[in-house]
Amino acid sequence: MKAKVFEWRGPAPFHFVAITGEVAQEIRDIAAAVTYGWGMIPVSCRIGGTTFTTSLWKKDVGYYLPLKDAVRSAENISLGSTVNVELTLRPR
C-alpha cells in the first residue's frame, strides 16, 4: 500500500499515513478479533528496510498508522513523502 505522510498536531505532533479504501475495509472486517480496546489494532509494518510494530488508530472511515521517529529517520521519510507500507495485523 502506498500512502502520503502527514502531520497531526495534538498535544504533541505525530506523523501518520492514512489507511483507506479496500485495505481499511479488510481491516474493519476483522477488527473485533484483533483490537485490544479503544479500536486500537496491533500491527507489524515494513517500510523500506525497516520493520517495526505499532497500533493503528481508528479514524473516520479508515485508520491512521503512526510513524515512529526512528523509522522516519532510518528511511529518510519527511512530511509529504509517499511511502510503501507492508502491513500485517498482529493477533491480541
N, C-alpha and C. Protein backbone atom coordinates (compact mmCIF):
# COMPACT_ATOMS: atom_id res chain seq x y z
N MET A 1 0.84 -1.16 0.00
CA MET A 1 0.00 0.00 0.00
C MET A 1 0.89 1.23 0.00
N LYS A 2 0.56 2.19 -0.84
CA LYS A 2 1.30 3.46 -0.87
C LYS A 2 0.45 4.54 -0.23
N ALA A 3 1.10 5.39 0.55
CA ALA A 3 0.37 6.46 1.24
C ALA A 3 1.31 7.63 1.49
N LYS A 4 0.71 8.81 1.62
CA LYS A 4 1.45 10.03 1.86
C LYS A 4 1.53 10.33 3.36
N VAL A 5 2.69 10.76 3.83
CA VAL A 5 2.92 11.07 5.23
C VAL A 5 2.35 12.46 5.54
N PHE A 6 1.58 12.52 6.65
CA PHE A 6 1.04 13.81 7.08
C PHE A 6 1.26 13.97 8.57
N GLU A 7 1.10 15.19 9.04
CA GLU A 7 1.29 15.50 10.45
C GLU A 7 -0.04 15.85 11.09
N TRP A 8 -0.24 15.34 12.29
CA TRP A 8 -1.41 15.70 13.08
C TRP A 8 -0.89 16.35 14.35
N ARG A 9 -1.39 17.53 14.65
CA ARG A 9 -0.93 18.25 15.84
C ARG A 9 -1.97 18.16 16.93
N GLY A 10 -1.58 17.52 17.99
CA GLY A 10 -2.38 17.48 19.20
C GLY A 10 -1.52 18.10 20.27
N PRO A 11 -1.50 17.51 21.44
CA PRO A 11 -0.59 17.99 22.47
C PRO A 11 0.87 17.88 22.01
N ALA A 12 1.15 16.92 21.14
CA ALA A 12 2.47 16.76 20.55
C ALA A 12 2.26 16.35 19.09
N PRO A 13 3.16 16.74 18.19
CA PRO A 13 2.98 16.37 16.78
C PRO A 13 3.25 14.89 16.55
N PHE A 14 2.47 14.29 15.68
CA PHE A 14 2.67 12.90 15.27
C PHE A 14 2.65 12.84 13.75
N HIS A 15 3.38 11.91 13.18
CA HIS A 15 3.38 11.68 11.74
C HIS A 15 2.66 10.37 11.47
N PHE A 16 1.82 10.38 10.46
CA PHE A 16 0.98 9.23 10.13
C PHE A 16 0.93 9.01 8.63
N VAL A 17 0.44 7.83 8.26
CA VAL A 17 -0.10 7.61 6.92
C VAL A 17 -1.53 7.14 7.14
N ALA A 18 -2.43 7.52 6.25
CA ALA A 18 -3.83 7.13 6.35
C ALA A 18 -4.05 5.84 5.58
N ILE A 19 -4.80 4.95 6.19
CA ILE A 19 -5.18 3.69 5.54
C ILE A 19 -6.67 3.81 5.22
N THR A 20 -6.99 3.78 3.94
CA THR A 20 -8.36 3.98 3.49
C THR A 20 -8.72 2.93 2.45
N GLY A 21 -9.90 3.05 1.91
CA GLY A 21 -10.32 2.21 0.79
C GLY A 21 -10.44 0.74 1.14
N GLU A 22 -10.04 -0.11 0.19
CA GLU A 22 -10.17 -1.56 0.34
C GLU A 22 -9.37 -2.11 1.52
N VAL A 23 -8.18 -1.55 1.74
CA VAL A 23 -7.35 -2.04 2.85
C VAL A 23 -8.06 -1.76 4.17
N ALA A 24 -8.60 -0.55 4.32
CA ALA A 24 -9.34 -0.21 5.55
C ALA A 24 -10.56 -1.12 5.72
N GLN A 25 -11.23 -1.43 4.63
CA GLN A 25 -12.40 -2.31 4.71
C GLN A 25 -12.00 -3.71 5.17
N GLU A 26 -10.90 -4.22 4.67
CA GLU A 26 -10.42 -5.54 5.08
C GLU A 26 -10.10 -5.54 6.58
N ILE A 27 -9.51 -4.46 7.06
CA ILE A 27 -9.19 -4.35 8.49
C ILE A 27 -10.49 -4.28 9.30
N ARG A 28 -11.43 -3.47 8.86
CA ARG A 28 -12.72 -3.34 9.57
C ARG A 28 -13.42 -4.70 9.70
N ASP A 29 -13.30 -5.52 8.65
CA ASP A 29 -13.96 -6.82 8.64
C ASP A 29 -13.48 -7.74 9.77
N ILE A 30 -12.24 -7.57 10.23
CA ILE A 30 -11.71 -8.44 11.28
C ILE A 30 -11.29 -7.67 12.53
N ALA A 31 -11.57 -6.38 12.59
CA ALA A 31 -11.11 -5.53 13.69
C ALA A 31 -11.51 -6.06 15.06
N ALA A 32 -12.72 -6.53 15.21
CA ALA A 32 -13.19 -7.01 16.52
C ALA A 32 -12.35 -8.17 17.04
N ALA A 33 -11.78 -8.95 16.15
CA ALA A 33 -10.99 -10.11 16.55
C ALA A 33 -9.56 -9.75 16.94
N VAL A 34 -9.10 -8.55 16.55
CA VAL A 34 -7.70 -8.21 16.80
C VAL A 34 -7.50 -6.98 17.68
N THR A 35 -8.53 -6.17 17.91
CA THR A 35 -8.36 -4.96 18.71
C THR A 35 -8.10 -5.29 20.18
N TYR A 36 -7.33 -4.44 20.83
CA TYR A 36 -7.11 -4.62 22.26
C TYR A 36 -7.84 -3.55 23.06
N GLY A 37 -8.71 -2.81 22.42
CA GLY A 37 -9.52 -1.80 23.09
C GLY A 37 -9.41 -0.46 22.41
N TRP A 38 -10.42 0.36 22.60
CA TRP A 38 -10.50 1.71 22.02
C TRP A 38 -10.30 1.71 20.50
N GLY A 39 -10.50 0.56 19.87
CA GLY A 39 -10.35 0.48 18.42
C GLY A 39 -8.91 0.36 17.94
N MET A 40 -7.96 0.25 18.87
CA MET A 40 -6.55 0.14 18.51
C MET A 40 -6.27 -1.27 17.99
N ILE A 41 -5.53 -1.35 16.90
CA ILE A 41 -5.25 -2.64 16.27
C ILE A 41 -3.74 -2.81 16.14
N PRO A 42 -3.16 -3.81 16.83
CA PRO A 42 -1.71 -4.02 16.77
C PRO A 42 -1.29 -4.54 15.39
N VAL A 43 -0.18 -3.97 14.88
CA VAL A 43 0.32 -4.34 13.56
C VAL A 43 1.83 -4.44 13.56
N SER A 44 2.34 -5.21 12.62
CA SER A 44 3.76 -5.22 12.26
C SER A 44 3.83 -4.56 10.89
N CYS A 45 4.83 -3.72 10.69
CA CYS A 45 4.95 -2.97 9.44
C CYS A 45 6.37 -3.04 8.91
N ARG A 46 6.47 -2.83 7.62
CA ARG A 46 7.78 -2.67 6.99
C ARG A 46 7.68 -1.52 6.02
N ILE A 47 8.61 -0.60 6.15
CA ILE A 47 8.79 0.49 5.20
C ILE A 47 10.25 0.44 4.80
N GLY A 48 10.51 0.23 3.52
CA GLY A 48 11.90 0.08 3.08
C GLY A 48 12.52 -1.12 3.77
N GLY A 49 13.67 -0.91 4.41
CA GLY A 49 14.35 -1.98 5.12
C GLY A 49 14.06 -2.00 6.61
N THR A 50 13.12 -1.18 7.04
CA THR A 50 12.83 -1.05 8.47
C THR A 50 11.52 -1.74 8.84
N THR A 51 11.61 -2.64 9.81
CA THR A 51 10.43 -3.33 10.33
C THR A 51 10.16 -2.80 11.73
N PHE A 52 8.88 -2.58 12.04
CA PHE A 52 8.53 -2.05 13.35
C PHE A 52 7.12 -2.49 13.73
N THR A 53 6.79 -2.37 15.01
CA THR A 53 5.45 -2.67 15.48
C THR A 53 4.83 -1.39 16.03
N THR A 54 3.52 -1.31 15.91
CA THR A 54 2.77 -0.18 16.41
C THR A 54 1.30 -0.59 16.44
N SER A 55 0.41 0.37 16.58
CA SER A 55 -1.02 0.09 16.55
C SER A 55 -1.72 1.11 15.66
N LEU A 56 -2.68 0.63 14.88
CA LEU A 56 -3.48 1.51 14.04
C LEU A 56 -4.48 2.25 14.92
N TRP A 57 -4.73 3.49 14.59
CA TRP A 57 -5.73 4.32 15.27
C TRP A 57 -6.94 4.41 14.37
N LYS A 58 -8.10 4.06 14.87
CA LYS A 58 -9.35 4.18 14.11
C LYS A 58 -9.63 5.66 13.90
N LYS A 59 -9.89 6.06 12.67
CA LYS A 59 -10.18 7.46 12.37
C LYS A 59 -11.14 7.53 11.20
N ASP A 60 -12.31 8.10 11.44
CA ASP A 60 -13.34 8.25 10.42
C ASP A 60 -13.63 6.90 9.77
N VAL A 61 -13.48 6.80 8.45
CA VAL A 61 -13.79 5.54 7.76
C VAL A 61 -12.55 4.68 7.52
N GLY A 62 -11.43 5.08 8.10
CA GLY A 62 -10.19 4.33 7.90
C GLY A 62 -9.39 4.25 9.18
N TYR A 63 -8.09 4.21 9.02
CA TYR A 63 -7.17 4.07 10.14
C TYR A 63 -5.95 4.96 9.90
N TYR A 64 -5.33 5.38 10.99
CA TYR A 64 -4.06 6.10 10.91
C TYR A 64 -2.96 5.17 11.41
N LEU A 65 -1.87 5.11 10.65
CA LEU A 65 -0.69 4.35 11.02
C LEU A 65 0.36 5.34 11.50
N PRO A 66 0.69 5.35 12.82
CA PRO A 66 1.70 6.28 13.31
C PRO A 66 3.10 5.83 12.86
N LEU A 67 3.91 6.82 12.48
CA LEU A 67 5.28 6.53 12.07
C LEU A 67 6.23 7.01 13.15
N LYS A 68 6.94 6.08 13.74
CA LYS A 68 7.89 6.40 14.79
C LYS A 68 9.04 7.24 14.23
N ASP A 69 9.60 8.12 15.08
CA ASP A 69 10.72 8.95 14.66
C ASP A 69 11.89 8.10 14.16
N ALA A 70 12.15 6.99 14.83
CA ALA A 70 13.26 6.12 14.43
C ALA A 70 13.06 5.56 13.02
N VAL A 71 11.83 5.24 12.67
CA VAL A 71 11.52 4.73 11.33
C VAL A 71 11.70 5.84 10.30
N ARG A 72 11.16 7.01 10.61
CA ARG A 72 11.29 8.13 9.67
C ARG A 72 12.75 8.49 9.45
N SER A 73 13.54 8.47 10.50
CA SER A 73 14.96 8.78 10.37
C SER A 73 15.69 7.72 9.56
N ALA A 74 15.47 6.45 9.89
CA ALA A 74 16.15 5.34 9.20
C ALA A 74 15.84 5.30 7.71
N GLU A 75 14.61 5.68 7.35
CA GLU A 75 14.19 5.59 5.95
C GLU A 75 14.15 6.95 5.25
N ASN A 76 14.67 7.99 5.94
CA ASN A 76 14.72 9.35 5.37
C ASN A 76 13.34 9.80 4.90
N ILE A 77 12.35 9.62 5.76
CA ILE A 77 10.96 9.98 5.45
C ILE A 77 10.68 11.36 6.02
N SER A 78 10.10 12.21 5.21
CA SER A 78 9.75 13.55 5.68
C SER A 78 8.27 13.80 5.43
N LEU A 79 7.78 14.87 5.99
CA LEU A 79 6.40 15.28 5.81
C LEU A 79 6.11 15.40 4.32
N GLY A 80 5.04 14.76 3.85
CA GLY A 80 4.68 14.81 2.44
C GLY A 80 5.27 13.69 1.60
N SER A 81 6.20 12.92 2.16
CA SER A 81 6.77 11.78 1.42
C SER A 81 5.68 10.75 1.15
N THR A 82 5.81 10.04 0.04
CA THR A 82 4.94 8.90 -0.24
C THR A 82 5.74 7.65 0.09
N VAL A 83 5.17 6.79 0.92
CA VAL A 83 5.88 5.58 1.35
C VAL A 83 5.09 4.34 0.96
N ASN A 84 5.81 3.25 0.77
CA ASN A 84 5.19 1.95 0.51
C ASN A 84 5.21 1.18 1.83
N VAL A 85 4.03 0.82 2.32
CA VAL A 85 3.90 0.17 3.62
C VAL A 85 3.43 -1.26 3.44
N GLU A 86 4.14 -2.20 4.05
CA GLU A 86 3.68 -3.58 4.15
C GLU A 86 3.15 -3.72 5.57
N LEU A 87 1.92 -4.19 5.70
CA LEU A 87 1.22 -4.18 6.97
C LEU A 87 0.69 -5.57 7.28
N THR A 88 0.94 -6.06 8.51
CA THR A 88 0.42 -7.34 8.96
C THR A 88 -0.26 -7.12 10.31
N LEU A 89 -1.50 -7.55 10.43
CA LEU A 89 -2.21 -7.44 11.71
C LEU A 89 -1.65 -8.48 12.67
N ARG A 90 -1.50 -8.09 13.93
CA ARG A 90 -0.99 -9.00 14.96
C ARG A 90 -2.14 -9.39 15.87
N PRO A 91 -2.40 -10.67 16.03
CA PRO A 91 -3.48 -11.07 16.93
C PRO A 91 -3.18 -10.63 18.36
N ARG A 92 -4.27 -10.37 19.13
CA ARG A 92 -4.06 -9.92 20.51
C ARG A 92 -3.67 -11.06 21.41
